[in-house]
Amino acid sequence: MAKTTHSGRVTRSNAGSTTTTTQVDPGVEALWRLAQSCNETLTYCLEQGGEHVEAGHIRCLIDTAEIANITADFIARGSEHVDELKEVAVAVAECTQESCEEFEGDETMAACAEACGNVVEALR
């Protein structure tokens, strides 16, 4: 019989033996990818300069990377406060997605916007 915990860990019991397998929650994985994407995009934007370093856009990238990491940690721990954090993470990711989509034709910004959309979809 298999039992899944909040962190995604699956425990199976067979005739007296127990095996534990770690399976990462898809939302957690999407959040980790988003945090990485935002940090890489932040570096890219700082190198590009100009409109890429507009204060509001930079704040969006930083806020999204931070909330993505925090939310992933809360999900992995099975925190009782995870639902509230998911709502905030979705709102912040949507803001960053919109900001990145303003840079039409920029592959780095498009990739970040896509990572934001993946989190919004995974957490809803």
PDB file of N, CA and C in Angstrom:
ATOM      1  N   MET A   1       0.840  -1.172   0.000  1.00  0.00           N
ATOM      2  CA  MET A   1       0.000   0.000   0.000  1.00  0.00           C
ATOM      3  C   MET A   1       0.888   1.239   0.000  1.00  0.00           C
ATOM      4  N   ALA A   2       0.521   2.277  -0.794  1.00  0.00           N
ATOM      5  CA  ALA A   2       1.316   3.499  -0.910  1.00  0.00           C
ATOM      6  C   ALA A   2       0.654   4.625  -0.149  1.00  0.00           C
ATOM      7  N   LYS A   3       1.465   5.444   0.487  1.00  0.00           N
ATOM      8  CA  LYS A   3       0.994   6.611   1.225  1.00  0.00           C
ATOM      9  C   LYS A   3       1.850   7.796   0.797  1.00  0.00           C
ATOM     10  N   THR A   4       1.205   8.913   0.416  1.00  0.00           N
ATOM     11  CA  THR A   4       1.941  10.097  -0.018  1.00  0.00           C
ATOM     12  C   THR A   4       1.835  11.175   1.037  1.00  0.00           C
ATOM     13  N   THR A   5       2.957  11.788   1.389  1.00  0.00           N
ATOM     14  CA  THR A   5       2.978  12.883   2.351  1.00  0.00           C
ATOM     15  C   THR A   5       2.878  14.204   1.612  1.00  0.00           C
ATOM     16  N   HIS A   6       2.722  15.311   2.356  1.00  0.00           N
ATOM     17  CA  HIS A   6       2.635  16.637   1.749  1.00  0.00           C
ATOM     18  C   HIS A   6       3.888  16.979   0.947  1.00  0.00           C
ATOM     19  N   SER A   7       5.025  16.488   1.359  1.00  0.00           N
ATOM     20  CA  SER A   7       6.277  16.839   0.690  1.00  0.00           C
ATOM     21  C   SER A   7       6.476  16.082  -0.617  1.00  0.00           C
ATOM     22  N   GLY A   8       5.584  15.145  -0.895  1.00  0.00           N
ATOM     23  CA  GLY A   8       5.726  14.390  -2.132  1.00  0.00           C
ATOM     24  C   GLY A   8       6.432  13.068  -1.917  1.00  0.00           C
ATOM     25  N   ARG A   9       6.774  12.750  -0.696  1.00  0.00           N
ATOM     26  CA  ARG A   9       7.449  11.494  -0.397  1.00  0.00           C
ATOM     27  C   ARG A   9       6.420  10.371  -0.395  1.00  0.00           C
ATOM     28  N   VAL A  10       6.729   9.283  -1.080  1.00  0.00           N
ATOM     29  CA  VAL A  10       5.827   8.147  -1.166  1.00  0.00           C
ATOM     30  C   VAL A  10       6.431   7.000  -0.374  1.00  0.00           C
ATOM     31  N   THR A  11       5.643   6.443   0.542  1.00  0.00           N
ATOM     32  CA  THR A  11       6.090   5.311   1.336  1.00  0.00           C
ATOM     33  C   THR A  11       5.257   4.101   0.946  1.00  0.00           C
ATOM     34  N   ARG A  12       5.932   3.009   0.626  1.00  0.00           N
ATOM     35  CA  ARG A  12       5.257   1.772   0.244  1.00  0.00           C
ATOM     36  C   ARG A  12       5.617   0.681   1.256  1.00  0.00           C
ATOM     37  N   SER A  13       4.591  -0.062   1.678  1.00  0.00           N
ATOM     38  CA  SER A  13       4.807  -1.180   2.585  1.00  0.00           C
ATOM     39  C   SER A  13       4.469  -2.474   1.866  1.00  0.00           C
ATOM     40  N   ASN A  14       5.416  -3.399   1.867  1.00  0.00           N
ATOM     41  CA  ASN A  14       5.210  -4.700   1.246  1.00  0.00           C
ATOM     42  C   ASN A  14       5.713  -5.777   2.188  1.00  0.00           C
ATOM     43  N   ALA A  15       4.827  -6.603   2.673  1.00  0.00           N
ATOM     44  CA  ALA A  15       5.188  -7.763   3.495  1.00  0.00           C
ATOM     45  C   ALA A  15       6.256  -7.443   4.532  1.00  0.00           C
ATOM     46  N   GLY A  16       6.020  -6.427   5.330  1.00  0.00           N
ATOM     47  CA  GLY A  16       6.930  -6.117   6.421  1.00  0.00           C
ATOM     48  C   GLY A  16       8.067  -5.180   6.085  1.00  0.00           C
ATOM     49  N   SER A  17       8.312  -4.879   4.827  1.00  0.00           N
ATOM     50  CA  SER A  17       9.383  -3.954   4.484  1.00  0.00           C
ATOM     51  C   SER A  17       8.775  -2.642   3.989  1.00  0.00           C
ATOM     52  N   THR A  18       9.486  -1.549   4.222  1.00  0.00           N
ATOM     53  CA  THR A  18       9.020  -0.235   3.807  1.00  0.00           C
ATOM     54  C   THR A  18      10.064   0.403   2.907  1.00  0.00           C
ATOM     55  N   THR A  19       9.620   0.935   1.796  1.00  0.00           N
ATOM     56  CA  THR A  19      10.491   1.625   0.849  1.00  0.00           C
ATOM     57  C   THR A  19       9.997   3.056   0.722  1.00  0.00           C
ATOM     58  N   THR A  20      10.904   4.005   0.782  1.00  0.00           N
ATOM     59  CA  THR A  20      10.534   5.404   0.624  1.00  0.00           C
ATOM     60  C   THR A  20      11.111   5.933  -0.679  1.00  0.00           C
ATOM     61  N   THR A  21      10.251   6.523  -1.496  1.00  0.00           N
ATOM     62  CA  THR A  21      10.644   7.104  -2.772  1.00  0.00           C
ATOM     63  C   THR A  21      10.266   8.578  -2.753  1.00  0.00           C
ATOM     64  N   THR A  22      11.173   9.421  -3.163  1.00  0.00           N
ATOM     65  CA  THR A  22      10.866  10.844  -3.198  1.00  0.00           C
ATOM     66  C   THR A  22      10.381  11.221  -4.588  1.00  0.00           C
ATOM     67  N   GLN A  23       9.187  11.821  -4.622  1.00  0.00           N
ATOM     68  CA  GLN A  23       8.619  12.343  -5.858  1.00  0.00           C
ATOM     69  C   GLN A  23       8.371  13.817  -5.613  1.00  0.00           C
ATOM     70  N   VAL A  24       8.885  14.670  -6.473  1.00  0.00           N
ATOM     71  CA  VAL A  24       8.749  16.103  -6.285  1.00  0.00           C
ATOM     72  C   VAL A  24       7.388  16.555  -6.807  1.00  0.00           C
ATOM     73  N   ASP A  25       6.691  17.309  -5.993  1.00  0.00           N
ATOM     74  CA  ASP A  25       5.410  17.906  -6.368  1.00  0.00           C
ATOM     75  C   ASP A  25       5.614  18.770  -7.613  1.00  0.00           C
ATOM     76  N   PRO A  26       4.747  18.638  -8.629  1.00  0.00           N
ATOM     77  CA  PRO A  26       4.913  19.440  -9.849  1.00  0.00           C
ATOM     78  C   PRO A  26       4.906  20.946  -9.584  1.00  0.00           C
ATOM     79  N   GLY A  27       4.136  21.397  -8.612  1.00  0.00           N
ATOM     80  CA  GLY A  27       4.128  22.815  -8.255  1.00  0.00           C
ATOM     81  C   GLY A  27       5.461  23.256  -7.692  1.00  0.00           C
ATOM     82  N   VAL A  28       6.059  22.410  -6.870  1.00  0.00           N
ATOM     83  CA  VAL A  28       7.365  22.719  -6.290  1.00  0.00           C
ATOM     84  C   VAL A  28       8.409  22.806  -7.391  1.00  0.00           C
ATOM     85  N   GLU A  29       8.376  21.868  -8.294  1.00  0.00           N
ATOM     86  CA  GLU A  29       9.345  21.875  -9.394  1.00  0.00           C
ATOM     87  C   GLU A  29       9.179  23.125 -10.268  1.00  0.00           C
ATOM     88  N   ALA A  30       7.935  23.494 -10.563  1.00  0.00           N
ATOM     89  CA  ALA A  30       7.680  24.702 -11.358  1.00  0.00           C
ATOM     90  C   ALA A  30       8.162  25.948 -10.618  1.00  0.00           C
ATOM     91  N   LEU A  31       7.982  25.972  -9.312  1.00  0.00           N
ATOM     92  CA  LEU A  31       8.440  27.112  -8.508  1.00  0.00           C
ATOM     93  C   LEU A  31       9.961  27.207  -8.512  1.00  0.00           C
ATOM     94  N   TRP A  32      10.651  26.076  -8.382  1.00  0.00           N
ATOM     95  CA  TRP A  32      12.116  26.090  -8.421  1.00  0.00           C
ATOM     96  C   TRP A  32      12.616  26.584  -9.776  1.00  0.00           C
ATOM     97  N   ARG A  33      11.983  26.098 -10.848  1.00  0.00           N
ATOM     98  CA  ARG A  33      12.378  26.544 -12.191  1.00  0.00           C
ATOM     99  C   ARG A  33      12.125  28.037 -12.359  1.00  0.00           C
ATOM    100  N   LEU A  34      11.020  28.526 -11.803  1.00  0.00           N
ATOM    101  CA  LEU A  34      10.708  29.947 -11.904  1.00  0.00           C
ATOM    102  C   LEU A  34      11.739  30.784 -11.158  1.00  0.00           C
ATOM    103  N   ALA A  35      12.103  30.385  -9.958  1.00  0.00           N
ATOM    104  CA  ALA A  35      13.102  31.141  -9.194  1.00  0.00           C
ATOM    105  C   ALA A  35      14.411  31.212  -9.972  1.00  0.00           C
ATOM    106  N   GLN A  36      14.816  30.096 -10.548  1.00  0.00           N
ATOM    107  CA  GLN A  36      16.046  30.068 -11.337  1.00  0.00           C
ATOM    108  C   GLN A  36      15.916  30.965 -12.562  1.00  0.00           C
ATOM    109  N   SER A  37      14.795  30.886 -13.243  1.00  0.00           N
ATOM    110  CA  SER A  37      14.579  31.698 -14.432  1.00  0.00           C
ATOM    111  C   SER A  37      14.607  33.188 -14.095  1.00  0.00           C
ATOM    112  N   CYS A  38      13.955  33.569 -13.006  1.00  0.00           N
ATOM    113  CA  CYS A  38      13.936  34.987 -12.610  1.00  0.00           C
ATOM    114  C   CYS A  38      15.334  35.482 -12.262  1.00  0.00           C
ATOM    115  N   ASN A  39      16.105  34.670 -11.581  1.00  0.00           N
ATOM    116  CA  ASN A  39      17.468  35.078 -11.234  1.00  0.00           C
ATOM    117  C   ASN A  39      18.345  35.208 -12.476  1.00  0.00           C
ATOM    118  N   GLU A  40      18.205  34.268 -13.410  1.00  0.00           N
ATOM    119  CA  GLU A  40      18.963  34.354 -14.663  1.00  0.00           C
ATOM    120  C   GLU A  40      18.510  35.570 -15.476  1.00  0.00           C
ATOM    121  N   THR A  41      17.214  35.822 -15.496  1.00  0.00           N
ATOM    122  CA  THR A  41      16.674  36.961 -16.235  1.00  0.00           C
ATOM    123  C   THR A  41      17.113  38.273 -15.598  1.00  0.00           C
ATOM    124  N   LEU A  42      17.182  38.307 -14.288  1.00  0.00           N
ATOM    125  CA  LEU A  42      17.657  39.500 -13.586  1.00  0.00           C
ATOM    126  C   LEU A  42      19.078  39.836 -14.027  1.00  0.00           C
ATOM    127  N   THR A  43      19.940  38.849 -14.066  1.00  0.00           N
ATOM    128  CA  THR A  43      21.319  39.055 -14.515  1.00  0.00           C
ATOM    129  C   THR A  43      21.340  39.556 -15.958  1.00  0.00           C
ATOM    130  N   TYR A  44      20.548  38.918 -16.795  1.00  0.00           N
ATOM    131  CA  TYR A  44      20.441  39.318 -18.201  1.00  0.00           C
ATOM    132  C   TYR A  44      19.999  40.778 -18.314  1.00  0.00           C
ATOM    133  N   CYS A  45      18.963  41.147 -17.558  1.00  0.00           N
ATOM    134  CA  CYS A  45      18.439  42.518 -17.621  1.00  0.00           C
ATOM    135  C   CYS A  45      19.492  43.534 -17.186  1.00  0.00           C
ATOM    136  N   LEU A  46      20.228  43.225 -16.139  1.00  0.00           N
ATOM    137  CA  LEU A  46      21.270  44.141 -15.674  1.00  0.00           C
ATOM    138  C   LEU A  46      22.354  44.314 -16.730  1.00  0.00           C
ATOM    139  N   GLU A  47      22.644  43.262 -17.462  1.00  0.00           N
ATOM    140  CA  GLU A  47      23.635  43.347 -18.549  1.00  0.00           C
ATOM    141  C   GLU A  47      23.104  44.146 -19.741  1.00  0.00           C
ATOM    142  N   GLN A  48      21.792  44.057 -19.999  1.00  0.00           N
ATOM    143  CA  GLN A  48      21.190  44.741 -21.135  1.00  0.00           C
ATOM    144  C   GLN A  48      21.055  46.243 -20.904  1.00  0.00           C
ATOM    145  N   GLY A  49      20.709  46.608 -19.684  1.00  0.00           N
ATOM    146  CA  GLY A  49      20.498  48.021 -19.379  1.00  0.00           C
ATOM    147  C   GLY A  49      19.233  48.551 -20.025  1.00  0.00           C
ATOM    148  N   GLY A  50      19.113  49.861 -20.111  1.00  0.00           N
ATOM    149  CA  GLY A  50      17.953  50.493 -20.740  1.00  0.00           C
ATOM    150  C   GLY A  50      16.651  50.116 -20.064  1.00  0.00           C
ATOM    151  N   GLU A  51      15.634  49.817 -20.882  1.00  0.00           N
ATOM    152  CA  GLU A  51      14.312  49.463 -20.367  1.00  0.00           C
ATOM    153  C   GLU A  51      14.336  48.202 -19.509  1.00  0.00           C
ATOM    154  N   HIS A  52      15.330  47.348 -19.746  1.00  0.00           N
ATOM    155  CA  HIS A  52      15.429  46.100 -18.981  1.00  0.00           C
ATOM    156  C   HIS A  52      15.691  46.345 -17.502  1.00  0.00           C
ATOM    157  N   VAL A  53      16.229  47.501 -17.157  1.00  0.00           N
ATOM    158  CA  VAL A  53      16.556  47.766 -15.755  1.00  0.00           C
ATOM    159  C   VAL A  53      15.594  48.759 -15.108  1.00  0.00           C
ATOM    160  N   GLU A  54      14.417  48.924 -15.691  1.00  0.00           N
ATOM    161  CA  GLU A  54      13.393  49.760 -15.088  1.00  0.00           C
ATOM    162  C   GLU A  54      13.086  49.193 -13.695  1.00  0.00           C
ATOM    163  N   ALA A  55      12.985  50.061 -12.723  1.00  0.00           N
ATOM    164  CA  ALA A  55      12.880  49.648 -11.317  1.00  0.00           C
ATOM    165  C   ALA A  55      11.722  48.687 -11.064  1.00  0.00           C
ATOM    166  N   GLY A  56      10.555  48.967 -11.610  1.00  0.00           N
ATOM    167  CA  GLY A  56       9.402  48.096 -11.378  1.00  0.00           C
ATOM    168  C   GLY A  56       9.617  46.695 -11.920  1.00  0.00           C
ATOM    169  N   HIS A  57      10.243  46.606 -13.078  1.00  0.00           N
ATOM    170  CA  HIS A  57      10.519  45.305 -13.689  1.00  0.00           C
ATOM    171  C   HIS A  57      11.516  44.509 -12.838  1.00  0.00           C
ATOM    172  N   ILE A  58      12.566  45.180 -12.400  1.00  0.00           N
ATOM    173  CA  ILE A  58      13.576  44.512 -11.562  1.00  0.00           C
ATOM    174  C   ILE A  58      12.958  44.038 -10.244  1.00  0.00           C
ATOM    175  N   ARG A  59      12.108  44.868  -9.640  1.00  0.00           N
ATOM    176  CA  ARG A  59      11.429  44.459  -8.402  1.00  0.00           C
ATOM    177  C   ARG A  59      10.569  43.230  -8.640  1.00  0.00           C
ATOM    178  N   CYS A  60       9.859  43.193  -9.779  1.00  0.00           N
ATOM    179  CA  CYS A  60       9.035  42.019 -10.105  1.00  0.00           C
ATOM    180  C   CYS A  60       9.880  40.748 -10.153  1.00  0.00           C
ATOM    181  N   LEU A  61      11.007  40.817 -10.834  1.00  0.00           N
ATOM    182  CA  LEU A  61      11.878  39.643 -10.953  1.00  0.00           C
ATOM    183  C   LEU A  61      12.383  39.180  -9.592  1.00  0.00           C
ATOM    184  N   ILE A  62      12.832  40.122  -8.765  1.00  0.00           N
ATOM    185  CA  ILE A  62      13.342  39.766  -7.437  1.00  0.00           C
ATOM    186  C   ILE A  62      12.228  39.200  -6.566  1.00  0.00           C
ATOM    187  N   ASP A  63      11.074  39.880  -6.546  1.00  0.00           N
ATOM    188  CA  ASP A  63       9.949  39.414  -5.732  1.00  0.00           C
ATOM    189  C   ASP A  63       9.505  38.017  -6.145  1.00  0.00           C
ATOM    190  N   THR A  64       9.470  37.776  -7.448  1.00  0.00           N
ATOM    191  CA  THR A  64       9.013  36.477  -7.935  1.00  0.00           C
ATOM    192  C   THR A  64       9.998  35.371  -7.562  1.00  0.00           C
ATOM    193  N   ALA A  65      11.285  35.630  -7.710  1.00  0.00           N
ATOM    194  CA  ALA A  65      12.285  34.625  -7.324  1.00  0.00           C
ATOM    195  C   ALA A  65      12.166  34.293  -5.841  1.00  0.00           C
ATOM    196  N   GLU A  66      11.995  35.311  -5.019  1.00  0.00           N
ATOM    197  CA  GLU A  66      11.899  35.096  -3.566  1.00  0.00           C
ATOM    198  C   GLU A  66      10.638  34.329  -3.184  1.00  0.00           C
ATOM    199  N   ILE A  67       9.479  34.773  -3.692  1.00  0.00           N
ATOM    200  CA  ILE A  67       8.227  34.106  -3.312  1.00  0.00           C
ATOM    201  C   ILE A  67       8.179  32.691  -3.868  1.00  0.00           C
ATOM    202  N   ALA A  68       8.791  32.459  -5.007  1.00  0.00           N
ATOM    203  CA  ALA A  68       8.818  31.107  -5.572  1.00  0.00           C
ATOM    204  C   ALA A  68       9.590  30.155  -4.659  1.00  0.00           C
ATOM    205  N   ASN A  69      10.752  30.590  -4.191  1.00  0.00           N
ATOM    206  CA  ASN A  69      11.540  29.745  -3.281  1.00  0.00           C
ATOM    207  C   ASN A  69      10.816  29.508  -1.961  1.00  0.00           C
ATOM    208  N   ILE A  70      10.249  30.553  -1.404  1.00  0.00           N
ATOM    209  CA  ILE A  70       9.551  30.423  -0.119  1.00  0.00           C
ATOM    210  C   ILE A  70       8.347  29.498  -0.262  1.00  0.00           C
ATOM    211  N   THR A  71       7.569  29.686  -1.310  1.00  0.00           N
ATOM    212  CA  THR A  71       6.375  28.856  -1.511  1.00  0.00           C
ATOM    213  C   THR A  71       6.757  27.396  -1.719  1.00  0.00           C
ATOM    214  N   ALA A  72       7.803  27.139  -2.492  1.00  0.00           N
ATOM    215  CA  ALA A  72       8.263  25.755  -2.687  1.00  0.00           C
ATOM    216  C   ALA A  72       8.646  25.125  -1.357  1.00  0.00           C
ATOM    217  N   ASP A  73       9.332  25.873  -0.510  1.00  0.00           N
ATOM    218  CA  ASP A  73       9.718  25.361   0.809  1.00  0.00           C
ATOM    219  C   ASP A  73       8.492  25.039   1.664  1.00  0.00           C
ATOM    220  N   PHE A  74       7.499  25.927   1.650  1.00  0.00           N
ATOM    221  CA  PHE A  74       6.288  25.710   2.438  1.00  0.00           C
ATOM    222  C   PHE A  74       5.524  24.480   1.945  1.00  0.00           C
ATOM    223  N   ILE A  75       5.452  24.297   0.629  1.00  0.00           N
ATOM    224  CA  ILE A  75       4.780  23.118   0.078  1.00  0.00           C
ATOM    225  C   ILE A  75       5.523  21.856   0.495  1.00  0.00           C
ATOM    226  N   ALA A  76       6.840  21.867   0.355  1.00  0.00           N
ATOM    227  CA  ALA A  76       7.653  20.685   0.684  1.00  0.00           C
ATOM    228  C   ALA A  76       7.523  20.302   2.154  1.00  0.00           C
ATOM    229  N   ARG A  77       7.373  21.303   3.027  1.00  0.00           N
ATOM    230  CA  ARG A  77       7.220  21.037   4.465  1.00  0.00           C
ATOM    231  C   ARG A  77       5.798  20.673   4.851  1.00  0.00           C
ATOM    232  N   GLY A  78       4.850  20.894   3.936  1.00  0.00           N
ATOM    233  CA  GLY A  78       3.455  20.644   4.277  1.00  0.00           C
ATOM    234  C   GLY A  78       2.909  21.682   5.246  1.00  0.00           C
ATOM    235  N   SER A  79       3.377  22.917   5.119  1.00  0.00           N
ATOM    236  CA  SER A  79       2.960  23.986   6.018  1.00  0.00           C
ATOM    237  C   SER A  79       1.460  24.241   5.945  1.00  0.00           C
ATOM    238  N   GLU A  80       0.878  24.576   7.068  1.00  0.00           N
ATOM    239  CA  GLU A  80      -0.544  24.899   7.117  1.00  0.00           C
ATOM    240  C   GLU A  80      -0.847  26.243   6.457  1.00  0.00           C
ATOM    241  N   HIS A  81       0.174  27.032   6.148  1.00  0.00           N
ATOM    242  CA  HIS A  81      -0.011  28.352   5.555  1.00  0.00           C
ATOM    243  C   HIS A  81       0.236  28.370   4.046  1.00  0.00           C
ATOM    244  N   VAL A  82       0.371  27.210   3.455  1.00  0.00           N
ATOM    245  CA  VAL A  82       0.762  27.134   2.052  1.00  0.00           C
ATOM    246  C   VAL A  82      -0.292  27.716   1.107  1.00  0.00           C
ATOM    247  N   ASP A  83      -1.554  27.577   1.430  1.00  0.00           N
ATOM    248  CA  ASP A  83      -2.588  28.086   0.520  1.00  0.00           C
ATOM    249  C   ASP A  83      -2.507  29.599   0.359  1.00  0.00           C
ATOM    250  N   GLU A  84      -2.241  30.306   1.456  1.00  0.00           N
ATOM    251  CA  GLU A  84      -2.094  31.765   1.375  1.00  0.00           C
ATOM    252  C   GLU A  84      -0.882  32.137   0.533  1.00  0.00           C
ATOM    253  N   LEU A  85       0.215  31.418   0.716  1.00  0.00           N
ATOM    254  CA  LEU A  85       1.419  31.705  -0.061  1.00  0.00           C
ATOM    255  C   LEU A  85       1.226  31.405  -1.539  1.00  0.00           C
ATOM    256  N   LYS A  86       0.499  30.360  -1.844  1.00  0.00           N
ATOM    257  CA  LYS A  86       0.229  30.031  -3.245  1.00  0.00           C
ATOM    258  C   LYS A  86      -0.506  31.182  -3.926  1.00  0.00           C
ATOM    259  N   GLU A  87      -1.478  31.773  -3.230  1.00  0.00           N
ATOM    260  CA  GLU A  87      -2.223  32.900  -3.795  1.00  0.00           C
ATOM    261  C   GLU A  87      -1.294  34.068  -4.102  1.00  0.00           C
ATOM    262  N   VAL A  88      -0.394  34.371  -3.170  1.00  0.00           N
ATOM    263  CA  VAL A  88       0.557  35.465  -3.376  1.00  0.00           C
ATOM    264  C   VAL A  88       1.507  35.120  -4.515  1.00  0.00           C
ATOM    265  N   ALA A  89       1.995  33.889  -4.535  1.00  0.00           N
ATOM    266  CA  ALA A  89       2.932  33.467  -5.591  1.00  0.00           C
ATOM    267  C   ALA A  89       2.294  33.600  -6.972  1.00  0.00           C
ATOM    268  N   VAL A  90       1.034  33.239  -7.085  1.00  0.00           N
ATOM    269  CA  VAL A  90       0.333  33.353  -8.368  1.00  0.00           C
ATOM    270  C   VAL A  90       0.215  34.818  -8.771  1.00  0.00           C
ATOM    271  N   ALA A  91      -0.174  35.670  -7.837  1.00  0.00           N
ATOM    272  CA  ALA A  91      -0.333  37.102  -8.144  1.00  0.00           C
ATOM    273  C   ALA A  91       0.991  37.725  -8.574  1.00  0.00           C
ATOM    274  N   VAL A  92       2.066  37.397  -7.878  1.00  0.00           N
ATOM    275  CA  VAL A  92       3.374  37.963  -8.201  1.00  0.00           C
ATOM    276  C   VAL A  92       3.878  37.411  -9.531  1.00  0.00           C
ATOM    277  N   ALA A  93       3.671  36.119  -9.769  1.00  0.00           N
ATOM    278  CA  ALA A  93       4.096  35.516 -11.044  1.00  0.00           C
ATOM    279  C   ALA A  93       3.333  36.136 -12.217  1.00  0.00           C
ATOM    280  N   GLU A  94       2.053  36.409 -12.035  1.00  0.00           N
ATOM    281  CA  GLU A  94       1.275  37.050 -13.101  1.00  0.00           C
ATOM    282  C   GLU A  94       1.811  38.445 -13.411  1.00  0.00           C
ATOM    283  N   CYS A  95       2.184  39.183 -12.374  1.00  0.00           N
ATOM    284  CA  CYS A  95       2.754  40.520 -12.556  1.00  0.00           C
ATOM    285  C   CYS A  95       4.059  40.439 -13.350  1.00  0.00           C
ATOM    286  N   THR A  96       4.914  39.509 -12.995  1.00  0.00           N
ATOM    287  CA  THR A  96       6.190  39.355 -13.685  1.00  0.00           C
ATOM    288  C   THR A  96       5.977  38.852 -15.107  1.00  0.00           C
ATOM    289  N   GLN A  97       5.032  37.956 -15.295  1.00  0.00           N
ATOM    290  CA  GLN A  97       4.733  37.466 -16.640  1.00  0.00           C
ATOM    291  C   GLN A  97       4.347  38.635 -17.541  1.00  0.00           C
ATOM    292  N   GLU A  98       3.466  39.493 -17.063  1.00  0.00           N
ATOM    293  CA  GLU A  98       3.051  40.661 -17.850  1.00  0.00           C
ATOM    294  C   GLU A  98       4.234  41.576 -18.149  1.00  0.00           C
ATOM    295  N   SER A  99       5.078  41.789 -17.154  1.00  0.00           N
ATOM    296  CA  SER A  99       6.236  42.661 -17.330  1.00  0.00           C
ATOM    297  C   SER A  99       7.191  42.094 -18.376  1.00  0.00           C
ATOM    298  N   CYS A 100       7.443  40.792 -18.325  1.00  0.00           N
ATOM    299  CA  CYS A 100       8.363  40.162 -19.279  1.00  0.00           C
ATOM    300  C   CYS A 100       7.784  40.130 -20.686  1.00  0.00           C
ATOM    301  N   GLU A 101       6.483  39.981 -20.796  1.00  0.00           N
ATOM    302  CA  GLU A 101       5.839  39.926 -22.113  1.00  0.00           C
ATOM    303  C   GLU A 101       5.919  41.257 -22.855  1.00  0.00           C
ATOM    304  N   GLU A 102       6.204  42.334 -22.150  1.00  0.00           N
ATOM    305  CA  GLU A 102       6.333  43.645 -22.789  1.00  0.00           C
ATOM    306  C   GLU A 102       7.570  43.721 -23.689  1.00  0.00           C
ATOM    307  N   PHE A 103       8.524  42.814 -23.501  1.00  0.00           N
ATOM    308  CA  PHE A 103       9.764  42.806 -24.281  1.00  0.00           C
ATOM    309  C   PHE A 103       9.602  41.848 -25.463  1.00  0.00           C
ATOM    310  N   GLU A 104       8.789  42.246 -26.426  1.00  0.00           N
ATOM    311  CA  GLU A 104       8.493  41.401 -27.578  1.00  0.00           C
ATOM    312  C   GLU A 104       9.763  41.061 -28.354  1.00  0.00           C
ATOM    313  N   GLY A 105       9.873  39.795 -28.756  1.00  0.00           N
ATOM    314  CA  GLY A 105      11.012  39.353 -29.550  1.00  0.00           C
ATOM    315  C   GLY A 105      12.260  39.033 -28.746  1.00  0.00           C
ATOM    316  N   ASP A 106      12.191  39.133 -27.434  1.00  0.00           N
ATOM    317  CA  ASP A 106      13.338  38.858 -26.566  1.00  0.00           C
ATOM    318  C   ASP A 106      13.161  37.453 -25.985  1.00  0.00           C
ATOM    319  N   GLU A 107      13.999  36.517 -26.421  1.00  0.00           N
ATOM    320  CA  GLU A 107      13.857  35.110 -26.023  1.00  0.00           C
ATOM    321  C   GLU A 107      14.023  34.888 -24.528  1.00  0.00           C
ATOM    322  N   THR A 108      14.934  35.614 -23.900  1.00  0.00           N
ATOM    323  CA  THR A 108      15.155  35.460 -22.458  1.00  0.00           C
ATOM    324  C   THR A 108      13.914  35.892 -21.691  1.00  0.00           C
ATOM    325  N   MET A 109      13.340  37.016 -22.104  1.00  0.00           N
ATOM    326  CA  MET A 109      12.152  37.513 -21.421  1.00  0.00           C
ATOM    327  C   MET A 109      10.960  36.589 -21.672  1.00  0.00           C
ATOM    328  N   ALA A 110      10.876  36.047 -22.879  1.00  0.00           N
ATOM    329  CA  ALA A 110       9.793  35.110 -23.212  1.00  0.00           C
ATOM    330  C   ALA A 110       9.897  33.844 -22.369  1.00  0.00           C
ATOM    331  N   ALA A 111      11.123  33.365 -22.140  1.00  0.00           N
ATOM    332  CA  ALA A 111      11.321  32.160 -21.323  1.00  0.00           C
ATOM    333  C   ALA A 111      10.899  32.413 -19.880  1.00  0.00           C
ATOM    334  N   CYS A 112      11.200  33.598 -19.368  1.00  0.00           N
ATOM    335  CA  CYS A 112      10.802  33.940 -18.004  1.00  0.00           C
ATOM    336  C   CYS A 112       9.282  34.047 -17.912  1.00  0.00           C
ATOM    337  N   ALA A 113       8.669  34.678 -18.902  1.00  0.00           N
ATOM    338  CA  ALA A 113       7.208  34.791 -18.923  1.00  0.00           C
ATOM    339  C   ALA A 113       6.565  33.401 -18.949  1.00  0.00           C
ATOM    340  N   GLU A 114       7.148  32.494 -19.716  1.00  0.00           N
ATOM    341  CA  GLU A 114       6.628  31.127 -19.794  1.00  0.00           C
ATOM    342  C   GLU A 114       6.747  30.416 -18.439  1.00  0.00           C
ATOM    343  N   ALA A 115       7.883  30.592 -17.762  1.00  0.00           N
ATOM    344  CA  ALA A 115       8.064  29.985 -16.438  1.00  0.00           C
ATOM    345  C   ALA A 115       7.031  30.534 -15.452  1.00  0.00           C
ATOM    346  N   CYS A 116       6.733  31.816 -15.568  1.00  0.00           N
ATOM    347  CA  CYS A 116       5.695  32.420 -14.715  1.00  0.00           C
ATOM    348  C   CYS A 116       4.345  31.776 -14.993  1.00  0.00           C
ATOM    349  N   GLY A 117       4.012  31.631 -16.266  1.00  0.00           N
ATOM    350  CA  GLY A 117       2.742  31.018 -16.645  1.00  0.00           C
ATOM    351  C   GLY A 117       2.627  29.581 -16.174  1.00  0.00           C
ATOM    352  N   ASN A 118       3.735  28.856 -16.202  1.00  0.00           N
ATOM    353  CA  ASN A 118       3.734  27.475 -15.722  1.00  0.00           C
ATOM    354  C   ASN A 118       3.398  27.388 -14.235  1.00  0.00           C
ATOM    355  N   VAL A 119       3.919  28.345 -13.461  1.00  0.00           N
ATOM    356  CA  VAL A 119       3.625  28.361 -12.029  1.00  0.00           C
ATOM    357  C   VAL A 119       2.159  28.720 -11.781  1.00  0.00           C
ATOM    358  N   VAL A 120       1.684  29.711 -12.507  1.00  0.00           N
ATOM    359  CA  VAL A 120       0.276  30.096 -12.352  1.00  0.00           C
ATOM    360  C   VAL A 120      -0.617  28.887 -12.614  1.00  0.00           C
ATOM    361  N   GLU A 121      -0.325  28.167 -13.677  1.00  0.00           N
ATOM    362  CA  GLU A 121      -1.111  26.978 -14.032  1.00  0.00           C
ATOM    363  C   GLU A 121      -0.970  25.870 -12.976  1.00  0.00           C
ATOM    364  N   ALA A 122       0.238  25.649 -12.497  1.00  0.00           N
ATOM    365  CA  ALA A 122       0.493  24.567 -11.531  1.00  0.00           C
ATOM    366  C   ALA A 122      -0.144  24.835 -10.162  1.00  0.00           C
ATOM    367  N   LEU A 123      -0.239  26.093  -9.788  1.00  0.00           N
ATOM    368  CA  LEU A 123      -0.730  26.410  -8.445  1.00  0.00           C
ATOM    369  C   LEU A 123      -2.224  26.691  -8.377  1.00  0.00           C
ATOM    370  N   ARG A 124      -2.868  26.814  -9.507  1.00  0.00           N
ATOM    371  CA  ARG A 124      -4.325  27.075  -9.494  1.00  0.00           C
ATOM    372  C   ARG A 124      -5.107  25.813  -9.426  1.00  0.00           C
TER     373      ARG A 124
END
